[in-house]
Amino acid sequence: MMNPEYLPATQGARQELVLLHGWGSDREVWRPLLAQVRNWANVTLVDVPGCAPLALADDYALPRVLEQILAVAPAQAVYVGFSLGGKLALALADAAPEQIGRASC
């Protein structure tokens, strides 16, 4: 089960942003960036199942991981990821384009 962290914008939110980390990492890798990003965006930090120490799942198959991410992310968010997170962002955009604002890696 995913346990995302939702951080509202400190000023007027103009965007929903989902940040996805890479292999051997977790959501903490994004902390240095948050002060600048939260000026204009609501941020959702996700620990990718199977990568982050506490991000466990019953099924690590790609469709199930994508489903889990979509279940905790805001609609029409912009997804940004690096390494594995970038691949997941692009896979999400391909699998559920109606639910994704944009994806970048």
Protein backbone atom coordinates (compact mmCIF):
# COMPACT_ATOMS: atom_id res chain seq x y z
CA MET A 1 0.00 0.00 0.00
CA MET A 2 1.34 3.42 -0.95
CA ASN A 3 1.61 6.21 1.56
CA PRO A 4 2.13 9.40 -0.46
CA GLU A 5 3.01 12.73 1.07
CA TYR A 6 0.92 15.69 -0.09
CA LEU A 7 2.42 19.15 0.37
CA PRO A 8 0.20 22.12 -0.51
CA ALA A 9 1.66 25.14 -2.27
CA THR A 10 2.93 27.88 0.02
CA GLN A 11 1.53 30.52 -2.32
CA GLY A 12 -1.13 30.26 -5.02
CA ALA A 13 -1.12 26.76 -6.46
CA ARG A 14 -0.94 26.83 -10.24
CA GLN A 15 -0.16 23.16 -10.75
CA GLU A 16 -0.40 19.70 -9.23
CA LEU A 17 3.02 18.04 -9.34
CA VAL A 18 3.89 14.39 -8.67
CA LEU A 19 7.57 13.61 -8.07
CA LEU A 20 8.82 10.06 -8.70
CA HIS A 21 12.29 8.99 -7.55
CA GLY A 22 14.68 6.55 -9.20
CA TRP A 23 16.17 3.17 -8.30
CA GLY A 24 17.66 2.78 -4.83
CA SER A 25 16.11 6.00 -3.61
CA ASP A 26 12.95 7.29 -1.99
CA ARG A 27 10.89 10.48 -1.84
CA GLU A 28 13.51 12.17 0.37
CA VAL A 29 15.70 12.81 -2.67
CA TRP A 30 13.29 15.62 -3.66
CA ARG A 31 13.51 17.55 -0.34
CA PRO A 32 16.15 20.10 -1.48
CA LEU A 33 13.89 21.15 -4.36
CA LEU A 34 10.66 21.56 -2.42
CA ALA A 35 11.11 25.14 -1.18
CA GLN A 36 11.24 26.47 -4.75
CA VAL A 37 8.61 24.18 -6.22
CA ARG A 38 6.03 24.67 -3.49
CA ASN A 39 5.86 28.40 -4.27
CA TRP A 40 3.73 27.53 -7.30
CA ALA A 41 2.71 23.86 -7.02
CA ASN A 42 0.96 21.40 -4.77
CA VAL A 43 3.42 18.51 -4.54
CA THR A 44 2.75 14.80 -4.11
CA LEU A 45 5.77 12.73 -3.14
CA VAL A 46 5.48 9.02 -3.86
CA ASP A 47 7.73 6.18 -2.74
CA VAL A 48 7.87 3.83 -5.73
CA PRO A 49 6.80 0.32 -4.69
CA GLY A 50 9.70 -2.08 -4.53
CA CYS A 51 12.36 0.65 -4.47
CA ALA A 52 11.97 2.72 -1.34
CA PRO A 53 12.57 0.80 1.89
CA LEU A 54 9.01 1.19 3.19
CA ALA A 55 7.19 1.07 -0.17
CA LEU A 56 5.95 -2.48 -0.17
CA ALA A 57 3.32 -3.96 -2.45
CA ASP A 58 1.65 -7.28 -3.06
CA ASP A 59 2.36 -7.09 -6.79
CA TYR A 60 5.31 -5.33 -8.42
CA ALA A 61 4.16 -5.86 -12.01
CA LEU A 62 4.24 -2.62 -14.01
CA PRO A 63 0.47 -2.34 -14.54
CA ARG A 64 -0.14 -2.75 -10.80
CA VAL A 65 2.54 -0.18 -9.86
CA LEU A 66 1.05 2.32 -12.33
CA GLU A 67 -2.41 1.67 -10.91
CA GLN A 68 -1.13 2.29 -7.37
CA ILE A 69 0.50 5.58 -8.35
CA LEU A 70 -2.62 6.81 -10.15
CA ALA A 71 -4.74 5.91 -7.12
CA VAL A 72 -2.84 8.33 -4.87
CA ALA A 73 -2.03 11.12 -7.32
CA PRO A 74 -4.17 14.18 -8.08
CA ALA A 75 -5.99 14.29 -11.42
CA GLN A 76 -4.26 16.08 -14.27
CA ALA A 77 -0.97 16.39 -12.40
CA VAL A 78 2.38 16.90 -14.04
CA TYR A 79 4.62 13.90 -13.33
CA VAL A 80 8.36 14.42 -13.00
CA GLY A 81 10.76 11.58 -12.44
CA PHE A 82 14.37 10.59 -12.86
CA SER A 83 15.78 7.20 -13.74
CA LEU A 84 13.06 4.65 -12.93
CA GLY A 85 10.72 7.49 -11.94
CA GLY A 86 11.08 9.01 -15.41
CA LYS A 87 10.24 5.69 -17.03
CA LEU A 88 7.20 5.38 -14.77
CA ALA A 89 6.07 8.93 -15.61
CA LEU A 90 6.20 8.14 -19.33
CA ALA A 91 4.46 4.78 -18.80
CA LEU A 92 1.70 6.55 -16.86
CA ALA A 93 1.23 9.07 -19.66
CA ASP A 94 0.95 6.20 -22.14
CA ALA A 95 -1.34 4.03 -20.00
CA ALA A 96 -3.71 6.75 -18.73
CA PRO A 97 -3.38 9.90 -20.86
CA GLU A 98 -6.77 11.18 -19.73
CA GLN A 99 -5.55 11.29 -16.11
CA ILE A 100 -2.12 12.83 -16.71
CA GLY A 101 -1.44 16.54 -17.31
CA ARG A 102 2.13 15.99 -18.53
CA ALA A 103 5.05 13.66 -17.92
CA SER A 104 8.74 14.51 -17.89
CA CYS A 105 11.94 12.66 -17.18
